[in-house]
Each structure stands twice: as C-alpha cells, then as structure tokens.
Amino acid sequence: MIPPEERVKEFRRLFTAIEEEVGRVIVGHRAVVRKVLTAFFAGGHVLLEGVPGLGKTLM
C-alpha cells in the first residue's frame, strides 16, 4: 500500500503536469484552468461564462 503522503505528492505532480499541458492550449487563463481541473477531480460541475473567443468550448 502506498503511504498517503506519497499519493498526495504523486497527485500534485500529475495535477501540475496536466495544468501545464492544458495551459499550452488555453493561454492566459491559468486560474480558470486550475479551477476547472479542481472541479473535475472533485467530481463537480463548472459553468463557464464569458464573451466568445476565450476558449470555453476548448476547455
């Protein structure tokens, strides 16, 4: 069994890697990407609002 500290460390590493990869496509919206990923991993929902052309559909 993997210790909880190691699981958290691995999750953080993977979360950061995913965040960086998504950030290569969705440029300039790091906080939004982080919140969307947090909701995704928490099993929640996100409503993205904004003007056209911000990459909402891509997220």
Foldseek 3Di string as FASTA:
>chain_A
DDDPVVVVVVVVVVLVVVLVVVCVVQPPPSVVSSVVVVCVVVVHDDDDDDDPDNCPVVD
